[in-house]
C-alpha atoms as a PDB file:
ATOM      1  CA  MET A   1      56.990  30.730 -33.542  1.00  0.00           C
ATOM      2  CA  ASN A   2      56.728  30.919 -29.772  1.00  0.00           C
ATOM      3  CA  VAL A   3      55.266  27.475 -29.186  1.00  0.00           C
ATOM      4  CA  GLN A   4      55.446  25.472 -25.958  1.00  0.00           C
ATOM      5  CA  VAL A   5      55.416  21.700 -25.546  1.00  0.00           C
ATOM      6  CA  LEU A   6      53.677  20.906 -22.262  1.00  0.00           C
ATOM      7  CA  PRO A   7      52.269  17.808 -20.561  1.00  0.00           C
ATOM      8  CA  ILE A   8      48.486  17.484 -20.569  1.00  0.00           C
ATOM      9  CA  THR A   9      47.333  17.675 -16.956  1.00  0.00           C
ATOM     10  CA  SER A  10      43.862  16.906 -15.608  1.00  0.00           C
ATOM     11  CA  ALA A  11      43.131  20.644 -15.652  1.00  0.00           C
ATOM     12  CA  ASP A  12      43.957  20.733 -19.380  1.00  0.00           C
ATOM     13  CA  VAL A  13      41.605  17.891 -20.353  1.00  0.00           C
ATOM     14  CA  PRO A  14      38.557  20.097 -21.166  1.00  0.00           C
ATOM     15  CA  ARG A  15      40.381  22.346 -23.634  1.00  0.00           C
ATOM     16  CA  VAL A  16      42.235  19.407 -25.171  1.00  0.00           C
ATOM     17  CA  ALA A  17      38.878  17.650 -25.589  1.00  0.00           C
ATOM     18  CA  HIS A  18      37.414  20.683 -27.377  1.00  0.00           C
ATOM     19  CA  PHE A  19      40.450  20.764 -29.678  1.00  0.00           C
ATOM     20  CA  LEU A  20      40.109  17.066 -30.570  1.00  0.00           C
ATOM     21  CA  HIS A  21      36.371  17.439 -31.176  1.00  0.00           C
ATOM     22  CA  ALA A  22      36.978  20.354 -33.539  1.00  0.00           C
ATOM     23  CA  HIS A  23      40.022  19.035 -35.382  1.00  0.00           C
ATOM     24  CA  LEU A  24      40.338  15.249 -35.073  1.00  0.00           C
ATOM     25  CA  ASN A  25      36.902  13.611 -34.801  1.00  0.00           C
ATOM     26  CA  THR A  26      33.750  15.719 -34.704  1.00  0.00           C
ATOM     27  CA  ARG A  27      31.597  12.617 -34.270  1.00  0.00           C
ATOM     28  CA  LEU A  28      32.774  12.514 -30.662  1.00  0.00           C
ATOM     29  CA  SER A  29      31.519  15.410 -28.562  1.00  0.00           C
ATOM     30  CA  ALA A  30      33.953  17.408 -26.441  1.00  0.00           C
ATOM     31  CA  ASP A  31      32.404  15.794 -23.357  1.00  0.00           C
ATOM     32  CA  LEU A  32      32.934  12.319 -24.791  1.00  0.00           C
ATOM     33  CA  TRP A  33      36.526  13.178 -25.675  1.00  0.00           C
ATOM     34  CA  ALA A  34      37.128  14.377 -22.119  1.00  0.00           C
ATOM     35  CA  ARG A  35      35.838  11.084 -20.731  1.00  0.00           C
ATOM     36  CA  ALA A  36      37.892   9.079 -23.238  1.00  0.00           C
ATOM     37  CA  ILE A  37      41.119  10.906 -22.399  1.00  0.00           C
ATOM     38  CA  THR A  38      40.863   9.869 -18.740  1.00  0.00           C
ATOM     39  CA  PRO A  39      41.114   6.046 -18.423  1.00  0.00           C
ATOM     40  CA  PRO A  40      38.962   4.338 -15.769  1.00  0.00           C
ATOM     41  CA  TRP A  41      41.738   2.129 -14.381  1.00  0.00           C
ATOM     42  CA  LYS A  42      44.045   3.168 -11.541  1.00  0.00           C
ATOM     43  CA  SER A  43      47.398   4.417 -12.784  1.00  0.00           C
ATOM     44  CA  ALA A  44      50.223   6.656 -11.619  1.00  0.00           C
ATOM     45  CA  ALA A  45      50.095   8.414 -14.990  1.00  0.00           C
ATOM     46  CA  PRO A  46      52.475  11.387 -15.275  1.00  0.00           C
ATOM     47  CA  ASN A  47      50.176  13.102 -17.812  1.00  0.00           C
ATOM     48  CA  HIS A  48      47.549  12.450 -20.495  1.00  0.00           C
ATOM     49  CA  GLY A  49      50.057  13.062 -23.270  1.00  0.00           C
ATOM     50  CA  PHE A  50      51.574  16.313 -24.518  1.00  0.00           C
ATOM     51  CA  MET A  51      50.210  19.430 -26.227  1.00  0.00           C
ATOM     52  CA  LEU A  52      51.508  22.332 -28.290  1.00  0.00           C
ATOM     53  CA  LEU A  53      50.479  25.792 -27.064  1.00  0.00           C
ATOM     54  CA  ALA A  54      50.777  28.939 -29.200  1.00  0.00           C
ATOM     55  CA  ALA A  55      49.810  32.200 -27.473  1.00  0.00           C
ATOM     56  CA  GLY A  56      48.062  30.104 -24.840  1.00  0.00           C
ATOM     57  CA  LEU A  57      45.926  28.207 -27.373  1.00  0.00           C
ATOM     58  CA  VAL A  58      46.067  24.463 -28.045  1.00  0.00           C
ATOM     59  CA  VAL A  59      47.381  23.916 -31.576  1.00  0.00           C
ATOM     60  CA  GLY A  60      48.498  20.294 -31.302  1.00  0.00           C
ATOM     61  CA  VAL A  61      47.910  17.203 -29.162  1.00  0.00           C
ATOM     62  CA  TYR A  62      49.406  13.740 -28.763  1.00  0.00           C
ATOM     63  CA  LEU A  63      47.415  11.637 -26.292  1.00  0.00           C
ATOM     64  CA  ALA A  64      48.895   8.910 -24.101  1.00  0.00           C
ATOM     65  CA  PHE A  65      47.420   6.153 -21.925  1.00  0.00           C
ATOM     66  CA  TYR A  66      49.507   4.699 -19.100  1.00  0.00           C
ATOM     67  CA  THR A  67      49.377   1.550 -17.038  1.00  0.00           C
ATOM     68  CA  GLU A  68      51.551  -0.704 -14.910  1.00  0.00           C
ATOM     69  CA  ARG A  69      51.214  -4.456 -15.456  1.00  0.00           C
ATOM     70  CA  THR A  70      52.870  -7.692 -14.439  1.00  0.00           C
ATOM     71  CA  VAL A  71      54.687  -9.323 -17.373  1.00  0.00           C
ATOM     72  CA  GLY A  72      56.813 -12.410 -16.831  1.00  0.00           C
ATOM     73  CA  GLY A  73      56.508 -11.985 -13.089  1.00  0.00           C
ATOM     74  CA  THR A  74      57.841  -8.402 -13.129  1.00  0.00           C
ATOM     75  CA  ARG A  75      55.991  -5.100 -12.921  1.00  0.00           C
ATOM     76  CA  GLN A  76      56.346  -3.164 -16.172  1.00  0.00           C
ATOM     77  CA  ARG A  77      55.242   0.357 -17.100  1.00  0.00           C
ATOM     78  CA  PHE A  78      53.521   0.985 -20.428  1.00  0.00           C
ATOM     79  CA  CYS A  79      52.717   4.116 -22.393  1.00  0.00           C
ATOM     80  CA  ASN A  80      50.250   3.708 -25.254  1.00  0.00           C
ATOM     81  CA  LEU A  81      50.390   6.458 -27.878  1.00  0.00           C
ATOM     82  CA  GLY A  82      46.906   7.648 -28.803  1.00  0.00           C
ATOM     83  CA  GLY A  83      45.429  10.338 -31.032  1.00  0.00           C
ATOM     84  CA  TRP A  84      47.949  12.707 -32.677  1.00  0.00           C
ATOM     85  CA  CYS A  85      46.562  15.923 -34.165  1.00  0.00           C
ATOM     86  CA  VAL A  86      48.390  19.161 -35.033  1.00  0.00           C
ATOM     87  CA  LEU A  87      47.027  22.170 -36.910  1.00  0.00           C
ATOM     88  CA  PRO A  88      48.548  22.531 -40.420  1.00  0.00           C
ATOM     89  CA  ARG A  89      50.444  25.724 -39.575  1.00  0.00           C
ATOM     90  CA  TYR A  90      52.335  23.904 -36.812  1.00  0.00           C
ATOM     91  CA  ARG A  91      52.901  20.506 -38.478  1.00  0.00           C
ATOM     92  CA  LEU A  92      56.675  21.011 -38.611  1.00  0.00           C
ATOM     93  CA  LEU A  93      56.634  20.936 -34.810  1.00  0.00           C
ATOM     94  CA  SER A  94      54.607  17.703 -34.594  1.00  0.00           C
ATOM     95  CA  VAL A  95      57.625  15.525 -33.864  1.00  0.00           C
ATOM     96  CA  LYS A  96      58.318  17.550 -30.703  1.00  0.00           C
ATOM     97  CA  LEU A  97      55.231  15.943 -29.179  1.00  0.00           C
ATOM     98  CA  LEU A  98      56.423  12.455 -30.058  1.00  0.00           C
ATOM     99  CA  ARG A  99      59.910  13.104 -28.719  1.00  0.00           C
ATOM    100  CA  ALA A 100      58.444  14.462 -25.481  1.00  0.00           C
ATOM    101  CA  LEU A 101      56.512  11.224 -25.022  1.00  0.00           C
ATOM    102  CA  LEU A 102      59.398   8.937 -25.937  1.00  0.00           C
ATOM    103  CA  GLY A 103      61.748  10.961 -23.757  1.00  0.00           C
ATOM    104  CA  GLN A 104      60.008   9.625 -20.668  1.00  0.00           C
ATOM    105  CA  GLU A 105      62.235   6.941 -19.220  1.00  0.00           C
ATOM    106  CA  GLY A 106      61.192   3.574 -17.848  1.00  0.00           C
ATOM    107  CA  TYR A 107      58.289   2.845 -20.210  1.00  0.00           C
ATOM    108  CA  HIS A 108      57.516   0.323 -22.913  1.00  0.00           C
ATOM    109  CA  PHE A 109      55.720   2.156 -25.735  1.00  0.00           C
ATOM    110  CA  THR A 110      52.906   0.889 -27.934  1.00  0.00           C
ATOM    111  CA  ASP A 111      51.266   2.505 -30.943  1.00  0.00           C
ATOM    112  CA  LEU A 112      48.277   0.360 -31.878  1.00  0.00           C
ATOM    113  CA  THR A 113      46.633   2.719 -34.393  1.00  0.00           C
ATOM    114  CA  PRO A 114      49.421   4.492 -36.331  1.00  0.00           C
ATOM    115  CA  SER A 115      48.377   6.213 -39.538  1.00  0.00           C
ATOM    116  CA  GLY A 116      50.273   5.586 -42.756  1.00  0.00           C
ATOM    117  CA  SER A 117      52.453   8.675 -42.378  1.00  0.00           C
ATOM    118  CA  VAL A 118      53.324   7.811 -38.768  1.00  0.00           C
ATOM    119  CA  ILE A 119      54.564   4.274 -39.476  1.00  0.00           C
ATOM    120  CA  PRO A 120      57.919   5.267 -41.084  1.00  0.00           C
ATOM    121  CA  ILE A 121      58.510   7.816 -38.305  1.00  0.00           C
ATOM    122  CA  ASN A 122      57.983   5.099 -35.705  1.00  0.00           C
ATOM    123  CA  GLU A 123      60.287   2.737 -37.581  1.00  0.00           C
ATOM    124  CA  ARG A 124      63.088   5.320 -37.569  1.00  0.00           C
ATOM    125  CA  LEU A 125      62.618   5.726 -33.818  1.00  0.00           C
ATOM    126  CA  GLY A 126      63.012   2.031 -33.056  1.00  0.00           C
ATOM    127  CA  PHE A 127      59.417   0.742 -33.110  1.00  0.00           C
ATOM    128  CA  ARG A 128      58.851  -2.822 -34.261  1.00  0.00           C
ATOM    129  CA  HIS A 129      55.785  -4.284 -35.969  1.00  0.00           C
ATOM    130  CA  LEU A 130      53.389  -6.747 -34.399  1.00  0.00           C
ATOM    131  CA  GLU A 131      51.619  -9.340 -36.535  1.00  0.00           C
ATOM    132  CA  SER A 132      48.424  -7.585 -37.629  1.00  0.00           C
ATOM    133  CA  GLU A 133      46.758  -9.869 -40.192  1.00  0.00           C
ATOM    134  CA  LEU A 134      43.016  -9.130 -40.162  1.00  0.00           C
ATOM    135  CA  LEU A 135      40.203 -11.636 -40.756  1.00  0.00           C
ATOM    136  CA  ALA A 136      36.447 -11.123 -41.075  1.00  0.00           C
ATOM    137  CA  VAL A 137      34.009 -13.750 -39.820  1.00  0.00           C
ATOM    138  CA  PRO A 138      30.299 -13.483 -40.724  1.00  0.00           C
ATOM    139  CA  HIS A 139      27.943 -14.356 -37.863  1.00  0.00           C
ATOM    140  CA  LEU A 140      25.311 -17.067 -38.023  1.00  0.00           C
ATOM    141  CA  PRO A 141      22.175 -17.025 -35.850  1.00  0.00           C
ATOM    142  CA  LEU A 142      22.281 -19.788 -33.273  1.00  0.00           C
ATOM    143  CA  SER A 143      19.871 -21.107 -30.692  1.00  0.00           C
ATOM    144  CA  LEU A 144      20.598 -21.068 -26.967  1.00  0.00           C
ATOM    145  CA  PRO A 145      24.041 -22.389 -25.878  1.00  0.00           C
ATOM    146  CA  LEU A 146      24.378 -26.121 -25.393  1.00  0.00           C
ATOM    147  CA  PRO A 147      23.729 -27.485 -21.878  1.00  0.00           C
ATOM    148  CA  GLY A 148      26.597 -26.696 -19.538  1.00  0.00           C
ATOM    149  CA  ARG A 149      27.669 -23.637 -21.552  1.00  0.00           C
ATOM    150  CA  VAL A 150      27.148 -19.960 -20.743  1.00  0.00           C
ATOM    151  CA  VAL A 151      27.421 -16.893 -23.000  1.00  0.00           C
ATOM    152  CA  THR A 152      26.640 -13.620 -21.254  1.00  0.00           C
ATOM    153  CA  SER A 153      27.099  -9.861 -21.452  1.00  0.00           C
ATOM    154  CA  ASP A 154      25.278  -9.241 -18.176  1.00  0.00           C
ATOM    155  CA  PRO A 155      27.631  -7.289 -15.833  1.00  0.00           C
ATOM    156  CA  ARG A 156      26.420  -9.048 -12.685  1.00  0.00           C
ATOM    157  CA  ARG A 157      26.771 -12.469 -14.257  1.00  0.00           C
ATOM    158  CA  ILE A 158      30.224 -11.573 -15.581  1.00  0.00           C
ATOM    159  CA  GLU A 159      31.420 -10.607 -12.108  1.00  0.00           C
ATOM    160  CA  ASP A 160      30.079 -13.889 -10.713  1.00  0.00           C
ATOM    161  CA  LEU A 161      31.907 -15.964 -13.328  1.00  0.00           C
ATOM    162  CA  LEU A 162      35.303 -14.224 -13.280  1.00  0.00           C
ATOM    163  CA  ALA A 163      37.917 -14.431 -10.540  1.00  0.00           C
ATOM    164  CA  GLY A 164      41.458 -13.302  -9.752  1.00  0.00           C
ATOM    165  CA  ASP A 165      43.371 -11.419 -12.452  1.00  0.00           C
ATOM    166  CA  ASP A 166      40.560 -11.901 -14.985  1.00  0.00           C
ATOM    167  CA  LEU A 167      38.080 -10.216 -12.660  1.00  0.00           C
ATOM    168  CA  GLN A 168      40.470  -7.331 -12.003  1.00  0.00           C
ATOM    169  CA  LEU A 169      41.016  -6.848 -15.725  1.00  0.00           C
ATOM    170  CA  TYR A 170      37.252  -6.707 -16.230  1.00  0.00           C
ATOM    171  CA  LEU A 171      36.831  -4.186 -13.392  1.00  0.00           C
ATOM    172  CA  ASP A 172      39.615  -2.037 -14.856  1.00  0.00           C
ATOM    173  CA  HIS A 173      37.856  -1.928 -18.245  1.00  0.00           C
ATOM    174  CA  ARG A 174      34.227  -2.028 -17.162  1.00  0.00           C
ATOM    175  CA  GLU A 175      33.792   1.748 -17.584  1.00  0.00           C
ATOM    176  CA  ALA A 176      36.089   2.156 -20.596  1.00  0.00           C
ATOM    177  CA  LEU A 177      34.001   3.840 -23.287  1.00  0.00           C
ATOM    178  CA  ALA A 178      34.994   1.598 -26.209  1.00  0.00           C
ATOM    179  CA  ALA A 179      35.213  -1.751 -24.411  1.00  0.00           C
ATOM    180  CA  ARG A 180      32.420  -4.332 -24.622  1.00  0.00           C
ATOM    181  CA  HIS A 181      32.491  -7.562 -22.637  1.00  0.00           C
ATOM    182  CA  VAL A 182      31.294 -11.139 -23.111  1.00  0.00           C
ATOM    183  CA  VAL A 183      32.066 -14.103 -20.885  1.00  0.00           C
ATOM    184  CA  LEU A 184      32.024 -17.661 -22.228  1.00  0.00           C
ATOM    185  CA  ALA A 185      31.970 -20.607 -19.849  1.00  0.00           C
ATOM    186  CA  ASP A 186      31.778 -24.365 -20.158  1.00  0.00           C
ATOM    187  CA  ARG A 187      32.604 -27.266 -17.867  1.00  0.00           C
ATOM    188  CA  SER A 188      36.351 -26.881 -18.400  1.00  0.00           C
ATOM    189  CA  GLY A 189      36.911 -23.142 -18.168  1.00  0.00           C
ATOM    190  CA  VAL A 190      35.882 -19.495 -18.386  1.00  0.00           C
ATOM    191  CA  CYS A 191      36.889 -16.986 -21.060  1.00  0.00           C
ATOM    192  CA  HIS A 192      36.588 -13.209 -20.820  1.00  0.00           C
ATOM    193  CA  VAL A 193      36.324 -11.565 -24.248  1.00  0.00           C
ATOM    194  CA  VAL A 194      36.747  -7.831 -24.841  1.00  0.00           C
ATOM    195  CA  PHE A 195      35.661  -6.332 -28.148  1.00  0.00           C
ATOM    196  CA  ARG A 196      34.836  -2.906 -29.523  1.00  0.00           C
ATOM    197  CA  HIS A 197      32.283  -1.672 -32.049  1.00  0.00           C
ATOM    198  CA  ASP A 198      34.161  -0.632 -35.190  1.00  0.00           C
ATOM    199  CA  ARG A 199      32.868   1.258 -38.203  1.00  0.00           C
ATOM    200  CA  PRO A 200      35.072   0.760 -41.299  1.00  0.00           C
ATOM    201  CA  LYS A 201      33.798   3.058 -44.058  1.00  0.00           C
ATOM    202  CA  ASN A 202      31.372   4.436 -41.428  1.00  0.00           C
ATOM    203  CA  LEU A 203      29.422   1.169 -41.257  1.00  0.00           C
ATOM    204  CA  PRO A 204      28.710   0.370 -37.562  1.00  0.00           C
ATOM    205  CA  LEU A 205      28.374  -3.374 -38.199  1.00  0.00           C
ATOM    206  CA  PHE A 206      31.590  -4.836 -36.848  1.00  0.00           C
ATOM    207  CA  ALA A 207      32.842  -6.298 -33.584  1.00  0.00           C
ATOM    208  CA  SER A 208      36.611  -5.912 -33.402  1.00  0.00           C
ATOM    209  CA  LEU A 209      38.352  -8.356 -31.069  1.00  0.00           C
ATOM    210  CA  VAL A 210      40.621  -6.829 -28.399  1.00  0.00           C
ATOM    211  CA  HIS A 211      41.248  -9.536 -25.784  1.00  0.00           C
ATOM    212  CA  VAL A 212      40.690 -13.263 -25.183  1.00  0.00           C
ATOM    213  CA  SER A 213      41.603 -14.612 -21.732  1.00  0.00           C
ATOM    214  CA  ASP A 214      41.370 -18.368 -22.514  1.00  0.00           C
ATOM    215  CA  ARG A 215      41.972 -19.290 -26.131  1.00  0.00           C
ATOM    216  CA  ARG A 216      40.904 -22.917 -25.714  1.00  0.00           C
ATOM    217  CA  VAL A 217      37.461 -21.975 -24.384  1.00  0.00           C
ATOM    218  CA  PHE A 218      37.166 -19.236 -26.995  1.00  0.00           C
ATOM    219  CA  ARG A 219      37.893 -21.637 -29.839  1.00  0.00           C
ATOM    220  CA  ARG A 220      35.409 -24.227 -28.555  1.00  0.00           C
ATOM    221  CA  MET A 221      32.666 -21.631 -28.107  1.00  0.00           C
ATOM    222  CA  PHE A 222      33.486 -19.309 -30.997  1.00  0.00           C
ATOM    223  CA  ARG A 223      30.233 -19.921 -32.904  1.00  0.00           C
ATOM    224  CA  ALA A 224      28.193 -19.373 -29.757  1.00  0.00           C
ATOM    225  CA  PHE A 225      30.123 -16.135 -29.232  1.00  0.00           C
ATOM    226  CA  THR A 226      29.457 -14.822 -32.748  1.00  0.00           C
ATOM    227  CA  GLY A 227      25.810 -15.863 -32.542  1.00  0.00           C
ATOM    228  CA  HIS A 228      25.539 -13.894 -29.290  1.00  0.00           C
ATOM    229  CA  LEU A 229      27.032 -10.825 -30.974  1.00  0.00           C
ATOM    230  CA  LEU A 230      24.468 -11.076 -33.768  1.00  0.00           C
ATOM    231  CA  ILE A 231      21.417 -11.645 -31.599  1.00  0.00           C
ATOM    232  CA  ARG A 232      22.235  -9.564 -28.517  1.00  0.00           C
ATOM    233  CA  HIS A 233      24.422  -6.794 -29.981  1.00  0.00           C
ATOM    234  CA  GLY A 234      23.122  -6.588 -33.560  1.00  0.00           C
ATOM    235  CA  LEU A 235      26.600  -7.067 -35.049  1.00  0.00           C
ATOM    236  CA  PRO A 236      26.814  -9.318 -38.145  1.00  0.00           C
ATOM    237  CA  VAL A 237      30.620  -9.540 -38.525  1.00  0.00           C
ATOM    238  CA  THR A 238      33.637 -10.022 -36.266  1.00  0.00           C
ATOM    239  CA  LEU A 239      37.007  -8.572 -37.247  1.00  0.00           C
ATOM    240  CA  LEU A 240      39.848 -10.427 -35.555  1.00  0.00           C
ATOM    241  CA  GLU A 241      43.595 -10.778 -35.607  1.00  0.00           C
ATOM    242  CA  PRO A 242      44.768 -14.410 -35.239  1.00  0.00           C
ATOM    243  CA  ARG A 243      47.451 -13.122 -32.864  1.00  0.00           C
ATOM    244  CA  VAL A 244      44.650 -12.077 -30.485  1.00  0.00           C
ATOM    245  CA  ALA A 245      42.174 -14.914 -31.102  1.00  0.00           C
ATOM    246  CA  GLY A 246      44.766 -17.675 -31.053  1.00  0.00           C
ATOM    247  CA  PHE A 247      43.406 -19.412 -34.171  1.00  0.00           C
ATOM    248  CA  ARG A 248      41.966 -18.854 -37.650  1.00  0.00           C
ATOM    249  CA  PRO A 249      38.219 -19.593 -37.626  1.00  0.00           C
ATOM    250  CA  ARG A 250      36.784 -21.746 -40.383  1.00  0.00           C
ATOM    251  CA  GLY A 251      35.173 -19.590 -43.064  1.00  0.00           C
ATOM    252  CA  ALA A 252      37.177 -16.497 -42.100  1.00  0.00           C
ATOM    253  CA  ILE A 253      37.921 -14.072 -44.930  1.00  0.00           C
ATOM    254  CA  ARG A 254      41.245 -12.255 -45.086  1.00  0.00           C
ATOM    255  CA  VAL A 255      40.691  -8.474 -45.158  1.00  0.00           C
ATOM    256  CA  PRO A 256      43.142  -6.233 -47.047  1.00  0.00           C
ATOM    257  CA  THR A 257      44.040  -3.510 -44.565  1.00  0.00           C
ATOM    258  CA  ASP A 258      46.659  -0.888 -43.786  1.00  0.00           C
ATOM    259  CA  ARG A 259      46.056  -1.433 -40.054  1.00  0.00           C
ATOM    260  CA  ARG A 260      49.327  -1.750 -38.145  1.00  0.00           C
ATOM    261  CA  ARG A 261      50.320  -2.469 -34.532  1.00  0.00           C
ATOM    262  CA  MET A 262      53.729  -1.294 -33.288  1.00  0.00           C
ATOM    263  CA  PHE A 263      55.757  -1.250 -30.085  1.00  0.00           C
ATOM    264  CA  ARG A 264      59.129  -0.115 -28.753  1.00  0.00           C
ATOM    265  CA  SER A 265      60.807  -1.971 -25.914  1.00  0.00           C
ATOM    266  CA  ASP A 266      64.321  -2.948 -24.917  1.00  0.00           C
ATOM    267  CA  SER A 267      63.232  -6.141 -23.177  1.00  0.00           C
ATOM    268  CA  LEU A 268      59.717  -7.299 -24.103  1.00  0.00           C
ATOM    269  CA  GLN A 269      58.904  -9.555 -27.043  1.00  0.00           C
ATOM    270  CA  PRO A 270      55.890  -9.337 -29.394  1.00  0.00           C
ATOM    271  CA  HIS A 271      53.946 -12.108 -27.621  1.00  0.00           C
ATOM    272  CA  GLN A 272      54.074 -10.020 -24.422  1.00  0.00           C
ATOM    273  CA  ILE A 273      52.253  -7.074 -25.998  1.00  0.00           C
ATOM    274  CA  ASP A 274      48.458  -6.975 -26.112  1.00  0.00           C
ATOM    275  CA  LEU A 275      45.754  -4.419 -26.950  1.00  0.00           C
ATOM    276  CA  LEU A 276      44.410  -3.693 -23.465  1.00  0.00           C
ATOM    277  CA  TYR A 277      44.854  -0.544 -21.338  1.00  0.00           C
ATOM    278  CA  SER A 278      45.033   1.508 -24.508  1.00  0.00           C
ATOM    279  CA  GLU A 279      43.281   3.958 -26.788  1.00  0.00           C
ATOM    280  CA  LEU A 280      41.459   0.996 -28.345  1.00  0.00           C
ATOM    281  CA  VAL A 281      39.362   0.477 -25.210  1.00  0.00           C
ATOM    282  CA  CYS A 282      39.048   4.171 -24.283  1.00  0.00           C
ATOM    283  CA  VAL A 283      38.177   6.036 -27.482  1.00  0.00           C
ATOM    284  CA  PRO A 284      35.017   4.990 -29.374  1.00  0.00           C
ATOM    285  CA  PHE A 285      36.220   6.356 -32.728  1.00  0.00           C
END
């Protein structure tokens, strides 16, 4: 078969979006896919992933999300592997997309949503597992926060409360389609929380934790946070990974799951890998 493996450029985004709408997730419109493919943060991204073309038609796609971040005082480049979809006739060529992505030098790679069939492929290619235990916490309705405490999802209030790197992180993710933001504040600190709406078994009832900037504040104000999600966002359950939250909430229920988080790096350790600047905040699947 005369099939090409090519980088996805900005000009290719519309046809890639139509392909993903038709073949990966029809719940997301082609327009929504196009917006999700293009992250809102500034990045010198070389592409949006790679695609397979047969007779000029898109027959396979592997998305990628890029960023440059400071880790341990040094600037590091990351490539997050996103949606991977190839038409059945061309499945034998699927790995060409992955090898094209991994062949890019100078990046740390993350795969935060690998499917069951992808996990052994990643393992053979040097990916390691991150701790991915999943807990569910039912929400209880609470009254207003105690005096001296703030819980808010208001964008203007969030910008007033955050500063420095935390503010920049919020600004980078403010327009990300799948990211939702809450800021918790008390007399001793401020915590920026990022979560996404998840729908296991197509039930849109869950807040899935992505980022916690100050684990001490988050732990102190966790019940106020979950009460806020119930009252203001209509979400009765939080799904969280202790690796992200920094603790195991009282009353949390362990959830059997095949969810995995993986990364490949020659120098970074698991505690230096998080879930931000990734498909998780960009694609509202």
